[in-house]
Amino acid sequence: MARKIRFRQQRIYEIRIAIVLVLFVSILFFGLFVVDLNKSYVIYGEPRLELFKIEHFDNDMYKVNILNSKFDLNLKYIIRDINNIKSFF
């Protein structure tokens, strides 16, 4: 019986750790979201999300901005490969 109780307590402990981690990440994410919205409302007069932004600027081209790290995403090749797979089937 002692072994069964020990493994049950270990399982409950692991579940509690997982719940705490999920709560921590969700509170952190929503806190950053609220701060970003309030900051942009004070600076620009309108609430907008600036931590993560996707902008369409050309045909099949997107600018992705994550924490002020900008990179371009070209979907031309992905769309071409998807069309090749569709034509195969």
PDB file of N, CA and C in Angstrom:
ATOM      1  N   MET A   1       0.808  -1.199   0.000  1.00  0.00           N
ATOM      2  CA  MET A   1       0.000   0.000   0.000  1.00  0.00           C
ATOM      3  C   MET A   1       0.851   1.263   0.000  1.00  0.00           C
ATOM      4  N   ALA A   2       1.987   1.219   0.659  1.00  0.00           N
ATOM      5  CA  ALA A   2       2.809   2.416   0.746  1.00  0.00           C
ATOM      6  C   ALA A   2       3.312   2.830  -0.638  1.00  0.00           C
ATOM      7  N   ARG A   3       3.616   1.846  -1.462  1.00  0.00           N
ATOM      8  CA  ARG A   3       4.082   2.149  -2.811  1.00  0.00           C
ATOM      9  C   ARG A   3       2.976   2.796  -3.628  1.00  0.00           C
ATOM     10  N   LYS A   4       1.772   2.326  -3.516  1.00  0.00           N
ATOM     11  CA  LYS A   4       0.626   2.885  -4.239  1.00  0.00           C
ATOM     12  C   LYS A   4       0.383   4.337  -3.803  1.00  0.00           C
ATOM     13  N   ILE A   5       0.469   4.594  -2.532  1.00  0.00           N
ATOM     14  CA  ILE A   5       0.266   5.956  -2.015  1.00  0.00           C
ATOM     15  C   ILE A   5       1.386   6.877  -2.489  1.00  0.00           C
ATOM     16  N   ARG A   6       2.606   6.365  -2.488  1.00  0.00           N
ATOM     17  CA  ARG A   6       3.743   7.181  -2.921  1.00  0.00           C
ATOM     18  C   ARG A   6       3.608   7.580  -4.382  1.00  0.00           C
ATOM     19  N   PHE A   7       3.229   6.668  -5.265  1.00  0.00           N
ATOM     20  CA  PHE A   7       3.075   6.989  -6.675  1.00  0.00           C
ATOM     21  C   PHE A   7       1.873   7.909  -6.908  1.00  0.00           C
ATOM     22  N   ARG A   8       0.811   7.761  -6.133  1.00  0.00           N
ATOM     23  CA  ARG A   8      -0.328   8.658  -6.240  1.00  0.00           C
ATOM     24  C   ARG A   8       0.071  10.076  -5.842  1.00  0.00           C
ATOM     25  N   GLN A   9       0.837  10.199  -4.762  1.00  0.00           N
ATOM     26  CA  GLN A   9       1.301  11.522  -4.340  1.00  0.00           C
ATOM     27  C   GLN A   9       2.248  12.137  -5.371  1.00  0.00           C
ATOM     28  N   GLN A  10       3.082  11.320  -5.982  1.00  0.00           N
ATOM     29  CA  GLN A  10       3.981  11.824  -7.019  1.00  0.00           C
ATOM     30  C   GLN A  10       3.186  12.298  -8.237  1.00  0.00           C
ATOM     31  N   ARG A  11       2.151  11.564  -8.622  1.00  0.00           N
ATOM     32  CA  ARG A  11       1.309  11.954  -9.749  1.00  0.00           C
ATOM     33  C   ARG A  11       0.573  13.256  -9.456  1.00  0.00           C
ATOM     34  N   ILE A  12       0.050  13.407  -8.238  1.00  0.00           N
ATOM     35  CA  ILE A  12      -0.634  14.642  -7.846  1.00  0.00           C
ATOM     36  C   ILE A  12       0.352  15.803  -7.831  1.00  0.00           C
ATOM     37  N   TYR A  13       1.562  15.567  -7.373  1.00  0.00           N
ATOM     38  CA  TYR A  13       2.596  16.600  -7.350  1.00  0.00           C
ATOM     39  C   TYR A  13       2.942  17.062  -8.775  1.00  0.00           C
ATOM     40  N   GLU A  14       3.064  16.126  -9.703  1.00  0.00           N
ATOM     41  CA  GLU A  14       3.362  16.480 -11.098  1.00  0.00           C
ATOM     42  C   GLU A  14       2.215  17.248 -11.733  1.00  0.00           C
ATOM     43  N   ILE A  15       0.987  16.887 -11.407  1.00  0.00           N
ATOM     44  CA  ILE A  15      -0.168  17.621 -11.927  1.00  0.00           C
ATOM     45  C   ILE A  15      -0.189  19.042 -11.381  1.00  0.00           C
ATOM     46  N   ARG A  16       0.130  19.201 -10.101  1.00  0.00           N
ATOM     47  CA  ARG A  16       0.177  20.539  -9.508  1.00  0.00           C
ATOM     48  C   ARG A  16       1.257  21.395 -10.160  1.00  0.00           C
ATOM     49  N   ILE A  17       2.398  20.815 -10.440  1.00  0.00           N
ATOM     50  CA  ILE A  17       3.470  21.561 -11.104  1.00  0.00           C
ATOM     51  C   ILE A  17       3.029  21.985 -12.496  1.00  0.00           C
ATOM     52  N   ALA A  18       2.378  21.105 -13.228  1.00  0.00           N
ATOM     53  CA  ALA A  18       1.901  21.449 -14.568  1.00  0.00           C
ATOM     54  C   ALA A  18       0.873  22.572 -14.507  1.00  0.00           C
ATOM     55  N   ILE A  19      -0.039  22.526 -13.540  1.00  0.00           N
ATOM     56  CA  ILE A  19      -1.050  23.582 -13.395  1.00  0.00           C
ATOM     57  C   ILE A  19      -0.391  24.914 -13.061  1.00  0.00           C
ATOM     58  N   VAL A  20       0.592  24.888 -12.178  1.00  0.00           N
ATOM     59  CA  VAL A  20       1.293  26.130 -11.809  1.00  0.00           C
ATOM     60  C   VAL A  20       2.025  26.706 -13.021  1.00  0.00           C
ATOM     61  N   LEU A  21       2.670  25.863 -13.823  1.00  0.00           N
ATOM     62  CA  LEU A  21       3.367  26.353 -15.013  1.00  0.00           C
ATOM     63  C   LEU A  21       2.399  26.954 -16.031  1.00  0.00           C
ATOM     64  N   VAL A  22       1.265  26.311 -16.234  1.00  0.00           N
ATOM     65  CA  VAL A  22       0.269  26.841 -17.171  1.00  0.00           C
ATOM     66  C   VAL A  22      -0.275  28.171 -16.669  1.00  0.00           C
ATOM     67  N   LEU A  23      -0.561  28.270 -15.394  1.00  0.00           N
ATOM     68  CA  LEU A  23      -1.040  29.532 -14.832  1.00  0.00           C
ATOM     69  C   LEU A  23       0.015  30.632 -14.950  1.00  0.00           C
ATOM     70  N   PHE A  24       1.269  30.302 -14.678  1.00  0.00           N
ATOM     71  CA  PHE A  24       2.349  31.283 -14.779  1.00  0.00           C
ATOM     72  C   PHE A  24       2.477  31.816 -16.200  1.00  0.00           C
ATOM     73  N   VAL A  25       2.493  30.920 -17.181  1.00  0.00           N
ATOM     74  CA  VAL A  25       2.635  31.342 -18.577  1.00  0.00           C
ATOM     75  C   VAL A  25       1.431  32.159 -19.021  1.00  0.00           C
ATOM     76  N   SER A  26       0.223  31.749 -18.623  1.00  0.00           N
ATOM     77  CA  SER A  26      -0.962  32.508 -19.034  1.00  0.00           C
ATOM     78  C   SER A  26      -1.013  33.883 -18.378  1.00  0.00           C
ATOM     79  N   ILE A  27      -0.651  33.990 -17.108  1.00  0.00           N
ATOM     80  CA  ILE A  27      -0.616  35.301 -16.443  1.00  0.00           C
ATOM     81  C   ILE A  27       0.446  36.185 -17.082  1.00  0.00           C
ATOM     82  N   LEU A  28       1.609  35.613 -17.391  1.00  0.00           N
ATOM     83  CA  LEU A  28       2.672  36.378 -18.047  1.00  0.00           C
ATOM     84  C   LEU A  28       2.223  36.866 -19.421  1.00  0.00           C
ATOM     85  N   PHE A  29       1.607  35.997 -20.214  1.00  0.00           N
ATOM     86  CA  PHE A  29       1.155  36.362 -21.552  1.00  0.00           C
ATOM     87  C   PHE A  29       0.089  37.448 -21.502  1.00  0.00           C
ATOM     88  N   PHE A  30      -0.926  37.271 -20.664  1.00  0.00           N
ATOM     89  CA  PHE A  30      -1.995  38.263 -20.593  1.00  0.00           C
ATOM     90  C   PHE A  30      -1.507  39.581 -19.981  1.00  0.00           C
ATOM     91  N   GLY A  31      -0.546  39.514 -19.074  1.00  0.00           N
ATOM     92  CA  GLY A  31       0.035  40.735 -18.526  1.00  0.00           C
ATOM     93  C   GLY A  31       0.771  41.529 -19.590  1.00  0.00           C
ATOM     94  N   LEU A  32       1.587  40.850 -20.400  1.00  0.00           N
ATOM     95  CA  LEU A  32       2.276  41.529 -21.494  1.00  0.00           C
ATOM     96  C   LEU A  32       1.286  42.091 -22.516  1.00  0.00           C
ATOM     97  N   PHE A  33       0.235  41.355 -22.783  1.00  0.00           N
ATOM     98  CA  PHE A  33      -0.800  41.795 -23.714  1.00  0.00           C
ATOM     99  C   PHE A  33      -1.465  43.077 -23.225  1.00  0.00           C
ATOM    100  N   VAL A  34      -1.835  43.126 -21.952  1.00  0.00           N
ATOM    101  CA  VAL A  34      -2.499  44.307 -21.389  1.00  0.00           C
ATOM    102  C   VAL A  34      -1.552  45.499 -21.357  1.00  0.00           C
ATOM    103  N   VAL A  35      -0.302  45.281 -20.970  1.00  0.00           N
ATOM    104  CA  VAL A  35       0.670  46.374 -20.930  1.00  0.00           C
ATOM    105  C   VAL A  35       0.916  46.932 -22.329  1.00  0.00           C
ATOM    106  N   ASP A  36       1.011  46.057 -23.317  1.00  0.00           N
ATOM    107  CA  ASP A  36       1.239  46.519 -24.689  1.00  0.00           C
ATOM    108  C   ASP A  36       0.056  47.330 -25.202  1.00  0.00           C
ATOM    109  N   LEU A  37      -1.155  46.869 -24.930  1.00  0.00           N
ATOM    110  CA  LEU A  37      -2.343  47.618 -25.361  1.00  0.00           C
ATOM    111  C   LEU A  37      -2.419  48.980 -24.680  1.00  0.00           C
ATOM    112  N   ASN A  38      -2.151  49.039 -23.380  1.00  0.00           N
ATOM    113  CA  ASN A  38      -2.214  50.314 -22.661  1.00  0.00           C
ATOM    114  C   ASN A  38      -1.108  51.267 -23.102  1.00  0.00           C
ATOM    115  N   LYS A  39       0.078  50.742 -23.363  1.00  0.00           N
ATOM    116  CA  LYS A  39       1.178  51.587 -23.826  1.00  0.00           C
ATOM    117  C   LYS A  39       0.844  52.211 -25.174  1.00  0.00           C
ATOM    118  N   SER A  40       0.333  51.427 -26.100  1.00  0.00           N
ATOM    119  CA  SER A  40       0.002  51.975 -27.409  1.00  0.00           C
ATOM    120  C   SER A  40      -1.188  52.926 -27.321  1.00  0.00           C
ATOM    121  N   TYR A  41      -2.101  52.701 -26.363  1.00  0.00           N
ATOM    122  CA  TYR A  41      -3.220  53.623 -26.189  1.00  0.00           C
ATOM    123  C   TYR A  41      -2.726  54.973 -25.683  1.00  0.00           C
ATOM    124  N   VAL A  42      -1.746  54.970 -24.787  1.00  0.00           N
ATOM    125  CA  VAL A  42      -1.204  56.231 -24.270  1.00  0.00           C
ATOM    126  C   VAL A  42      -0.399  56.952 -25.351  1.00  0.00           C
ATOM    127  N   ILE A  43       0.412  56.222 -26.100  1.00  0.00           N
ATOM    128  CA  ILE A  43       1.288  56.852 -27.092  1.00  0.00           C
ATOM    129  C   ILE A  43       0.510  57.278 -28.341  1.00  0.00           C
ATOM    130  N   TYR A  44      -0.309  56.385 -28.904  1.00  0.00           N
ATOM    131  CA  TYR A  44      -0.959  56.646 -30.183  1.00  0.00           C
ATOM    132  C   TYR A  44      -2.419  57.058 -30.068  1.00  0.00           C
ATOM    133  N   GLY A  45      -3.008  56.899 -28.915  1.00  0.00           N
ATOM    134  CA  GLY A  45      -4.410  57.253 -28.738  1.00  0.00           C
ATOM    135  C   GLY A  45      -5.377  56.162 -29.137  1.00  0.00           C
ATOM    136  N   GLU A  46      -4.869  55.040 -29.540  1.00  0.00           N
ATOM    137  CA  GLU A  46      -5.728  53.898 -29.886  1.00  0.00           C
ATOM    138  C   GLU A  46      -5.030  52.615 -29.445  1.00  0.00           C
ATOM    139  N   PRO A  47      -5.777  51.665 -28.908  1.00  0.00           N
ATOM    140  CA  PRO A  47      -5.138  50.411 -28.480  1.00  0.00           C
ATOM    141  C   PRO A  47      -4.822  49.527 -29.683  1.00  0.00           C
ATOM    142  N   ARG A  48      -3.591  49.095 -29.776  1.00  0.00           N
ATOM    143  CA  ARG A  48      -3.198  48.153 -30.822  1.00  0.00           C
ATOM    144  C   ARG A  48      -2.074  47.271 -30.300  1.00  0.00           C
ATOM    145  N   LEU A  49      -2.017  46.093 -30.822  1.00  0.00           N
ATOM    146  CA  LEU A  49      -1.039  45.108 -30.380  1.00  0.00           C
ATOM    147  C   LEU A  49       0.245  45.277 -31.184  1.00  0.00           C
ATOM    148  N   GLU A  50       1.365  45.488 -30.497  1.00  0.00           N
ATOM    149  CA  GLU A  50       2.634  45.687 -31.182  1.00  0.00           C
ATOM    150  C   GLU A  50       3.672  44.623 -30.848  1.00  0.00           C
ATOM    151  N   LEU A  51       3.406  43.745 -29.915  1.00  0.00           N
ATOM    152  CA  LEU A  51       4.366  42.687 -29.602  1.00  0.00           C
ATOM    153  C   LEU A  51       4.500  41.694 -30.752  1.00  0.00           C
ATOM    154  N   PHE A  52       3.374  41.392 -31.367  1.00  0.00           N
ATOM    155  CA  PHE A  52       3.341  40.441 -32.476  1.00  0.00           C
ATOM    156  C   PHE A  52       2.474  41.046 -33.566  1.00  0.00           C
ATOM    157  N   LYS A  53       3.080  41.290 -34.728  1.00  0.00           N
ATOM    158  CA  LYS A  53       2.356  41.957 -35.792  1.00  0.00           C
ATOM    159  C   LYS A  53       2.705  41.307 -37.128  1.00  0.00           C
ATOM    160  N   ILE A  54       1.684  41.077 -37.973  1.00  0.00           N
ATOM    161  CA  ILE A  54       1.883  40.555 -39.318  1.00  0.00           C
ATOM    162  C   ILE A  54       1.286  41.567 -40.284  1.00  0.00           C
ATOM    163  N   GLU A  55       2.104  42.036 -41.239  1.00  0.00           N
ATOM    164  CA  GLU A  55       1.650  43.024 -42.216  1.00  0.00           C
ATOM    165  C   GLU A  55       1.826  42.464 -43.620  1.00  0.00           C
ATOM    166  N   HIS A  56       0.803  42.622 -44.449  1.00  0.00           N
ATOM    167  CA  HIS A  56       0.854  42.215 -45.851  1.00  0.00           C
ATOM    168  C   HIS A  56       1.388  43.393 -46.653  1.00  0.00           C
ATOM    169  N   PHE A  57       2.519  43.218 -47.362  1.00  0.00           N
ATOM    170  CA  PHE A  57       3.070  44.357 -48.087  1.00  0.00           C
ATOM    171  C   PHE A  57       3.312  44.085 -49.562  1.00  0.00           C
ATOM    172  N   ASP A  58       3.153  42.875 -50.023  1.00  0.00           N
ATOM    173  CA  ASP A  58       3.318  42.567 -51.435  1.00  0.00           C
ATOM    174  C   ASP A  58       2.568  41.272 -51.719  1.00  0.00           C
ATOM    175  N   ASN A  59       2.501  40.903 -52.973  1.00  0.00           N
ATOM    176  CA  ASN A  59       1.837  39.662 -53.338  1.00  0.00           C
ATOM    177  C   ASN A  59       2.615  38.482 -52.752  1.00  0.00           C
ATOM    178  N   ASP A  60       1.982  37.733 -51.881  1.00  0.00           N
ATOM    179  CA  ASP A  60       2.573  36.572 -51.196  1.00  0.00           C
ATOM    180  C   ASP A  60       3.749  36.933 -50.294  1.00  0.00           C
ATOM    181  N   MET A  61       3.865  38.184 -49.884  1.00  0.00           N
ATOM    182  CA  MET A  61       4.937  38.621 -48.998  1.00  0.00           C
ATOM    183  C   MET A  61       4.326  39.249 -47.743  1.00  0.00           C
ATOM    184  N   TYR A  62       4.845  38.851 -46.597  1.00  0.00           N
ATOM    185  CA  TYR A  62       4.368  39.381 -45.324  1.00  0.00           C
ATOM    186  C   TYR A  62       5.563  39.816 -44.489  1.00  0.00           C
ATOM    187  N   LYS A  63       5.378  40.871 -43.705  1.00  0.00           N
ATOM    188  CA  LYS A  63       6.373  41.286 -42.724  1.00  0.00           C
ATOM    189  C   LYS A  63       5.891  40.830 -41.364  1.00  0.00           C
ATOM    190  N   VAL A  64       6.718  40.084 -40.663  1.00  0.00           N
ATOM    191  CA  VAL A  64       6.381  39.580 -39.345  1.00  0.00           C
ATOM    192  C   VAL A  64       7.262  40.307 -38.341  1.00  0.00           C
ATOM    193  N   ASN A  65       6.642  40.863 -37.304  1.00  0.00           N
ATOM    194  CA  ASN A  65       7.344  41.607 -36.277  1.00  0.00           C
ATOM    195  C   ASN A  65       7.044  40.959 -34.929  1.00  0.00           C
ATOM    196  N   ILE A  66       8.060  40.376 -34.317  1.00  0.00           N
ATOM    197  CA  ILE A  66       7.930  39.743 -33.009  1.00  0.00           C
ATOM    198  C   ILE A  66       8.941  40.398 -32.074  1.00  0.00           C
ATOM    199  N   LEU A  67       8.444  41.150 -31.100  1.00  0.00           N
ATOM    200  CA  LEU A  67       9.292  41.848 -30.132  1.00  0.00           C
ATOM    201  C   LEU A  67      10.357  42.699 -30.835  1.00  0.00           C
ATOM    202  N   ASN A  68       9.940  43.459 -31.829  1.00  0.00           N
ATOM    203  CA  ASN A  68      10.795  44.346 -32.627  1.00  0.00           C
ATOM    204  C   ASN A  68      11.874  43.609 -33.409  1.00  0.00           C
ATOM    205  N   SER A  69      11.718  42.330 -33.617  1.00  0.00           N
ATOM    206  CA  SER A  69      12.578  41.572 -34.516  1.00  0.00           C
ATOM    207  C   SER A  69      11.782  41.341 -35.791  1.00  0.00           C
ATOM    208  N   LYS A  70      12.190  41.998 -36.869  1.00  0.00           N
ATOM    209  CA  LYS A  70      11.421  41.958 -38.109  1.00  0.00           C
ATOM    210  C   LYS A  70      12.055  40.984 -39.088  1.00  0.00           C
ATOM    211  N   PHE A  71      11.198  40.233 -39.780  1.00  0.00           N
ATOM    212  CA  PHE A  71      11.665  39.407 -40.879  1.00  0.00           C
ATOM    213  C   PHE A  71      10.555  39.277 -41.899  1.00  0.00           C
ATOM    214  N   ASP A  72      10.954  38.980 -43.137  1.00  0.00           N
ATOM    215  CA  ASP A  72      10.006  38.850 -44.242  1.00  0.00           C
ATOM    216  C   ASP A  72       9.665  37.385 -44.441  1.00  0.00           C
ATOM    217  N   LEU A  73       8.401  37.150 -44.729  1.00  0.00           N
ATOM    218  CA  LEU A  73       7.910  35.800 -44.954  1.00  0.00           C
ATOM    219  C   LEU A  73       7.375  35.728 -46.374  1.00  0.00           C
ATOM    220  N   ASN A  74       8.029  34.918 -47.210  1.00  0.00           N
ATOM    221  CA  ASN A  74       7.630  34.769 -48.604  1.00  0.00           C
ATOM    222  C   ASN A  74       6.842  33.474 -48.742  1.00  0.00           C
ATOM    223  N   LEU A  75       5.561  33.606 -49.071  1.00  0.00           N
ATOM    224  CA  LEU A  75       4.686  32.440 -49.182  1.00  0.00           C
ATOM    225  C   LEU A  75       4.613  31.877 -50.595  1.00  0.00           C
ATOM    226  N   LYS A  76       5.353  32.460 -51.520  1.00  0.00           N
ATOM    227  CA  LYS A  76       5.284  32.021 -52.914  1.00  0.00           C
ATOM    228  C   LYS A  76       5.674  30.555 -53.042  1.00  0.00           C
ATOM    229  N   TYR A  77       6.744  30.157 -52.372  1.00  0.00           N
ATOM    230  CA  TYR A  77       7.237  28.788 -52.501  1.00  0.00           C
ATOM    231  C   TYR A  77       6.329  27.793 -51.776  1.00  0.00           C
ATOM    232  N   ILE A  78       5.785  28.207 -50.661  1.00  0.00           N
ATOM    233  CA  ILE A  78       4.868  27.325 -49.917  1.00  0.00           C
ATOM    234  C   ILE A  78       3.599  27.098 -50.728  1.00  0.00           C
ATOM    235  N   ILE A  79       3.058  28.158 -51.329  1.00  0.00           N
ATOM    236  CA  ILE A  79       1.848  28.028 -52.150  1.00  0.00           C
ATOM    237  C   ILE A  79       2.127  27.169 -53.372  1.00  0.00           C
ATOM    238  N   ARG A  80       3.305  27.326 -53.970  1.00  0.00           N
ATOM    239  CA  ARG A  80       3.672  26.510 -55.133  1.00  0.00           C
ATOM    240  C   ARG A  80       3.738  25.030 -54.749  1.00  0.00           C
ATOM    241  N   ASP A  81       4.340  24.720 -53.603  1.00  0.00           N
ATOM    242  CA  ASP A  81       4.436  23.330 -53.167  1.00  0.00           C
ATOM    243  C   ASP A  81       3.072  22.746 -52.839  1.00  0.00           C
ATOM    244  N   ILE A  82       2.200  23.535 -52.228  1.00  0.00           N
ATOM    245  CA  ILE A  82       0.845  23.059 -51.926  1.00  0.00           C
ATOM    246  C   ILE A  82       0.089  22.759 -53.213  1.00  0.00           C
ATOM    247  N   ASN A  83       0.239  23.627 -54.204  1.00  0.00           N
ATOM    248  CA  ASN A  83      -0.424  23.392 -55.501  1.00  0.00           C
ATOM    249  C   ASN A  83       0.139  22.153 -56.190  1.00  0.00           C
ATOM    250  N   ASN A  84       1.440  21.911 -56.056  1.00  0.00           N
ATOM    251  CA  ASN A  84       2.028  20.690 -56.638  1.00  0.00           C
ATOM    252  C   ASN A  84       1.473  19.449 -55.957  1.00  0.00           C
ATOM    253  N   ILE A  85       1.311  19.510 -54.660  1.00  0.00           N
ATOM    254  CA  ILE A  85       0.759  18.361 -53.936  1.00  0.00           C
ATOM    255  C   ILE A  85      -0.708  18.151 -54.329  1.00  0.00           C
ATOM    256  N   LYS A  86      -1.465  19.238 -54.463  1.00  0.00           N
ATOM    257  CA  LYS A  86      -2.873  19.119 -54.883  1.00  0.00           C
ATOM    258  C   LYS A  86      -2.977  18.529 -56.274  1.00  0.00           C
ATOM    259  N   SER A  87      -2.113  18.957 -57.182  1.00  0.00           N
ATOM    260  CA  SER A  87      -2.174  18.428 -58.551  1.00  0.00           C
ATOM    261  C   SER A  87      -1.757  16.965 -58.596  1.00  0.00           C
ATOM    262  N   PHE A  88      -0.927  16.531 -57.660  1.00  0.00           N
ATOM    263  CA  PHE A  88      -0.515  15.134 -57.623  1.00  0.00           C
ATOM    264  C   PHE A  88      -1.687  14.230 -57.261  1.00  0.00           C
ATOM    265  N   PHE A  89      -2.536  14.699 -56.359  1.00  0.00           N
ATOM    266  CA  PHE A  89      -3.683  13.893 -55.944  1.00  0.00           C
ATOM    267  C   PHE A  89      -4.860  14.205 -56.798  1.00  0.00           C
TER     268      PHE A  89
END
